[in-house]
Amino acid sequence: MPAGVGDLATNRPASDKILLAPKAVLAVRRDLHPAIQYALLSAAAQIHAEAGIFQRAGQFPIAESIGLPLSDEAQRFHKSGRPFLQHYLPLWMAVLAERLLVIVIPIVKLAYPLLRFIPALYGWSMRSKVFRLYGEMRFLELKIERGVAERDLNVTMGQLDRIEQRANQLRMPKAYASMVYSLLGHITQVRERLTKRGH
């Protein structure tokens, strides 16, 4: 107790006195909602944080367990204060947002690598459509090089026409259109080679 606080006129007590008294403890049931615990701690800190006659500044509430363990919420409150969202949102909305974040953050962590993989998978699927036709073209070219294609020119030309028809029917994004044009140009070259060998 500070000097003179009891009676300024007679300066009682004449000097600062240390009083012996039990400490006040803010205790709650185990099943009390975390948001309400934060609200109680915030109110206690707001009302009692400043220095008074019988306490120093920041002396109550304090992270000190006297016979009762500190709850997880109390430990977090004393370590980092009120949750960020509770400063800007109503209590019910802040609690709802915090619960959603607990669910959404792990999902985003799992989905992010998959989202990065999807464009690569899409590009591979687009290229594979063209590469499949290129494979068939290469097979025809080998037949031409071995002289097999000239024996049955009509059959080989029919196969080439079917490859060209399938290439024209490909629905490709603009980014992959150059691959289709390149394939069509290749088909034209092979057709010219076949025509020359046929004559």
Protein backbone atom coordinates (compact mmCIF):
# COMPACT_ATOMS: atom_id res chain seq x y z
CA MET A 1 0.00 0.00 0.00
CA PRO A 2 1.52 3.39 -0.95
CA ALA A 3 2.31 5.92 1.80
CA GLY A 4 -0.56 8.29 2.68
CA VAL A 5 -3.19 6.39 0.75
CA GLY A 6 -5.27 5.69 3.86
CA ASP A 7 -5.31 9.31 5.08
CA LEU A 8 -3.40 12.05 3.29
CA ALA A 9 -3.85 14.57 6.12
CA THR A 10 -2.10 12.41 8.71
CA ASN A 11 0.04 10.59 6.13
CA ARG A 12 -1.16 7.12 7.04
CA PRO A 13 0.58 4.85 6.42
CA ALA A 14 3.79 6.83 6.84
CA SER A 15 5.65 4.64 4.33
CA ASP A 16 4.82 2.04 1.64
CA LYS A 17 3.53 -1.15 3.21
CA ILE A 18 3.51 -4.65 1.77
CA LEU A 19 0.15 -6.23 2.50
CA LEU A 20 -0.43 -9.91 2.97
CA ALA A 21 -3.48 -11.05 1.02
CA PRO A 22 -4.62 -13.97 -1.15
CA LYS A 23 -4.17 -13.56 -4.90
CA ALA A 24 -7.24 -13.22 -7.04
CA VAL A 25 -7.55 -16.00 -9.62
CA LEU A 26 -9.72 -15.96 -12.72
CA ALA A 27 -10.90 -19.57 -13.02
CA VAL A 28 -13.28 -21.15 -15.54
CA ARG A 29 -14.72 -24.60 -16.15
CA ARG A 30 -12.89 -26.91 -18.56
CA ASP A 31 -15.80 -26.92 -21.02
CA LEU A 32 -16.13 -23.13 -21.28
CA HIS A 33 -15.98 -22.08 -24.93
CA PRO A 34 -12.52 -20.77 -25.99
CA ALA A 35 -14.02 -17.57 -27.41
CA ILE A 36 -15.67 -16.77 -24.06
CA GLN A 37 -12.36 -17.44 -22.28
CA TYR A 38 -10.68 -14.92 -24.61
CA ALA A 39 -13.49 -12.43 -23.95
CA LEU A 40 -13.13 -12.79 -20.14
CA LEU A 41 -9.34 -12.42 -20.30
CA SER A 42 -9.65 -9.38 -22.60
CA ALA A 43 -12.15 -7.73 -20.23
CA ALA A 44 -9.97 -8.48 -17.19
CA ALA A 45 -6.88 -7.10 -18.93
CA GLN A 46 -8.75 -3.98 -20.07
CA ILE A 47 -10.17 -3.25 -16.61
CA HIS A 48 -7.23 -4.25 -14.39
CA ALA A 49 -4.15 -3.76 -16.58
CA GLU A 50 -3.38 -0.26 -15.30
CA ALA A 51 -1.71 0.35 -11.94
CA GLY A 52 -4.01 0.84 -8.95
CA ILE A 53 -3.72 1.32 -5.22
CA PHE A 54 -3.12 -2.34 -4.53
CA GLN A 55 -1.44 -3.57 -7.72
CA ARG A 56 1.23 -2.65 -10.21
CA ALA A 57 0.52 -2.26 -13.94
CA GLY A 58 0.01 -5.60 -15.72
CA GLN A 59 -0.20 -7.55 -12.49
CA PHE A 60 -3.68 -8.93 -13.23
CA PRO A 61 -4.47 -11.07 -15.12
CA ILE A 62 -1.09 -12.80 -15.25
CA ALA A 63 0.09 -16.16 -16.60
CA GLU A 64 0.54 -17.83 -13.25
CA SER A 65 -1.10 -21.06 -12.17
CA ILE A 66 -1.96 -21.15 -8.46
CA GLY A 67 -3.36 -24.57 -7.75
CA LEU A 68 -5.15 -24.64 -11.11
CA PRO A 69 -3.46 -25.28 -14.48
CA LEU A 70 -3.62 -22.59 -17.17
CA SER A 71 -5.92 -23.44 -20.05
CA ASP A 72 -4.49 -23.53 -23.57
CA GLU A 73 -6.44 -20.37 -24.41
CA ALA A 74 -5.02 -18.53 -21.38
CA GLN A 75 -1.49 -19.54 -22.34
CA ARG A 76 -2.04 -18.30 -25.91
CA PHE A 77 -3.64 -15.08 -24.63
CA HIS A 78 -0.69 -14.25 -22.37
CA LYS A 79 1.78 -15.18 -25.09
CA SER A 80 0.27 -13.34 -28.08
CA GLY A 81 -2.88 -11.51 -26.92
CA ARG A 82 -6.35 -11.81 -28.40
CA PRO A 83 -6.68 -13.68 -31.71
CA PHE A 84 -6.14 -11.35 -34.67
CA LEU A 85 -9.65 -11.74 -36.10
CA GLN A 86 -11.33 -10.85 -32.80
CA HIS A 87 -9.86 -7.34 -33.08
CA TYR A 88 -11.82 -6.65 -36.29
CA LEU A 89 -14.85 -8.98 -36.33
CA PRO A 90 -17.75 -9.68 -33.96
CA LEU A 91 -17.01 -12.58 -31.60
CA TRP A 92 -19.25 -15.15 -33.34
CA MET A 93 -17.88 -14.26 -36.77
CA ALA A 94 -14.26 -14.37 -35.58
CA VAL A 95 -14.80 -17.82 -34.02
CA LEU A 96 -16.44 -19.10 -37.21
CA ALA A 97 -13.61 -17.70 -39.36
CA GLU A 98 -10.96 -19.27 -37.08
CA ARG A 99 -12.65 -22.67 -37.32
CA LEU A 100 -12.88 -22.38 -41.10
CA LEU A 101 -9.19 -21.47 -41.29
CA VAL A 102 -8.31 -24.60 -39.30
CA ILE A 103 -10.10 -26.66 -41.97
CA VAL A 104 -9.14 -24.64 -45.08
CA ILE A 105 -5.38 -24.23 -44.48
CA PRO A 106 -4.58 -28.00 -44.51
CA ILE A 107 -6.79 -28.46 -47.59
CA VAL A 108 -4.94 -25.65 -49.41
CA LYS A 109 -1.59 -27.17 -48.40
CA LEU A 110 -2.65 -30.49 -49.90
CA ALA A 111 -4.28 -28.97 -53.00
CA TYR A 112 -1.44 -26.57 -53.92
CA PRO A 113 0.95 -29.26 -55.26
CA LEU A 114 -1.94 -30.79 -57.21
CA LEU A 115 -2.88 -27.41 -58.68
CA ARG A 116 0.72 -26.93 -59.81
CA PHE A 117 0.65 -30.40 -61.42
CA ILE A 118 -2.62 -29.85 -63.36
CA PRO A 119 -1.19 -27.48 -66.06
CA ALA A 120 1.69 -29.90 -66.72
CA LEU A 121 -0.77 -32.80 -66.98
CA TYR A 122 -2.99 -30.78 -69.33
CA GLY A 123 -0.02 -29.88 -71.55
CA TRP A 124 1.07 -33.51 -71.66
CA SER A 125 -2.43 -34.66 -72.69
CA MET A 126 -2.55 -32.05 -75.50
CA ARG A 127 0.90 -33.00 -76.82
CA SER A 128 0.15 -36.73 -76.57
CA LYS A 129 -2.74 -36.33 -79.04
CA VAL A 130 -0.37 -34.94 -81.65
CA PHE A 131 2.49 -37.31 -80.77
CA ARG A 132 0.17 -40.29 -81.28
CA LEU A 133 -0.47 -39.16 -84.87
CA TYR A 134 3.23 -38.49 -85.34
CA GLY A 135 3.87 -42.10 -84.28
CA GLU A 136 1.52 -43.37 -86.98
CA MET A 137 3.22 -41.06 -89.48
CA ARG A 138 6.61 -42.45 -88.53
CA PHE A 139 5.29 -45.96 -89.11
CA LEU A 140 4.19 -44.96 -92.64
CA GLU A 141 7.55 -43.33 -93.32
CA LEU A 142 9.34 -46.55 -92.38
CA LYS A 143 7.09 -48.45 -94.81
CA ILE A 144 8.01 -45.94 -97.54
CA GLU A 145 11.73 -46.23 -96.76
CA ARG A 146 11.56 -50.03 -97.02
CA GLY A 147 9.63 -49.83 -100.26
CA VAL A 148 6.58 -51.59 -98.76
CA ALA A 149 4.28 -48.62 -99.29
CA GLU A 150 4.69 -48.61 -103.10
CA ARG A 151 3.29 -52.17 -103.39
CA ASP A 152 -0.12 -51.00 -102.19
CA LEU A 153 -0.10 -47.24 -102.76
CA ASN A 154 -3.88 -46.83 -102.38
CA VAL A 155 -3.88 -48.43 -98.91
CA THR A 156 -0.97 -46.24 -97.76
CA MET A 157 -2.65 -43.10 -99.18
CA GLY A 158 -5.87 -44.08 -97.38
CA GLN A 159 -3.97 -44.41 -94.09
CA LEU A 160 -2.37 -41.01 -94.69
CA ASP A 161 -5.77 -39.44 -95.45
CA ARG A 162 -7.20 -40.85 -92.21
CA ILE A 163 -4.28 -39.43 -90.19
CA GLU A 164 -4.82 -36.04 -91.87
CA GLN A 165 -8.55 -36.16 -91.17
CA ARG A 166 -7.93 -36.91 -87.48
CA ALA A 167 -5.36 -34.09 -87.32
CA ASN A 168 -7.90 -31.64 -88.77
CA GLN A 169 -10.48 -32.75 -86.19
CA LEU A 170 -8.17 -32.08 -83.23
CA ARG A 171 -9.54 -29.28 -81.04
CA MET A 172 -6.43 -27.71 -79.59
CA PRO A 173 -5.84 -24.45 -77.68
CA LYS A 174 -3.92 -21.76 -79.58
CA ALA A 175 -0.78 -22.53 -77.57
CA TYR A 176 -0.63 -26.00 -79.18
CA ALA A 177 -1.96 -25.10 -82.65
CA SER A 178 1.59 -24.85 -84.07
CA MET A 179 2.09 -28.57 -83.35
CA VAL A 180 -0.99 -29.43 -85.43
CA TYR A 181 0.16 -27.17 -88.31
CA SER A 182 3.57 -28.83 -88.19
CA LEU A 183 1.94 -32.27 -88.33
CA LEU A 184 -0.23 -31.26 -91.32
CA GLY A 185 2.89 -29.96 -93.11
CA HIS A 186 4.62 -33.27 -92.43
CA ILE A 187 1.63 -35.17 -93.83
CA THR A 188 1.81 -33.05 -97.02
CA GLN A 189 5.52 -33.88 -97.43
CA VAL A 190 4.90 -37.62 -97.00
CA ARG A 191 2.03 -37.50 -99.51
CA GLU A 192 4.31 -35.78 -102.05
CA ARG A 193 6.98 -38.45 -101.53
CA LEU A 194 4.40 -41.18 -102.01
CA THR A 195 3.04 -39.53 -105.15
CA LYS A 196 6.56 -39.24 -106.64
CA ARG A 197 7.35 -42.88 -105.88
CA GLY A 198 4.02 -43.96 -107.34
CA HIS A 199 4.87 -42.34 -110.66
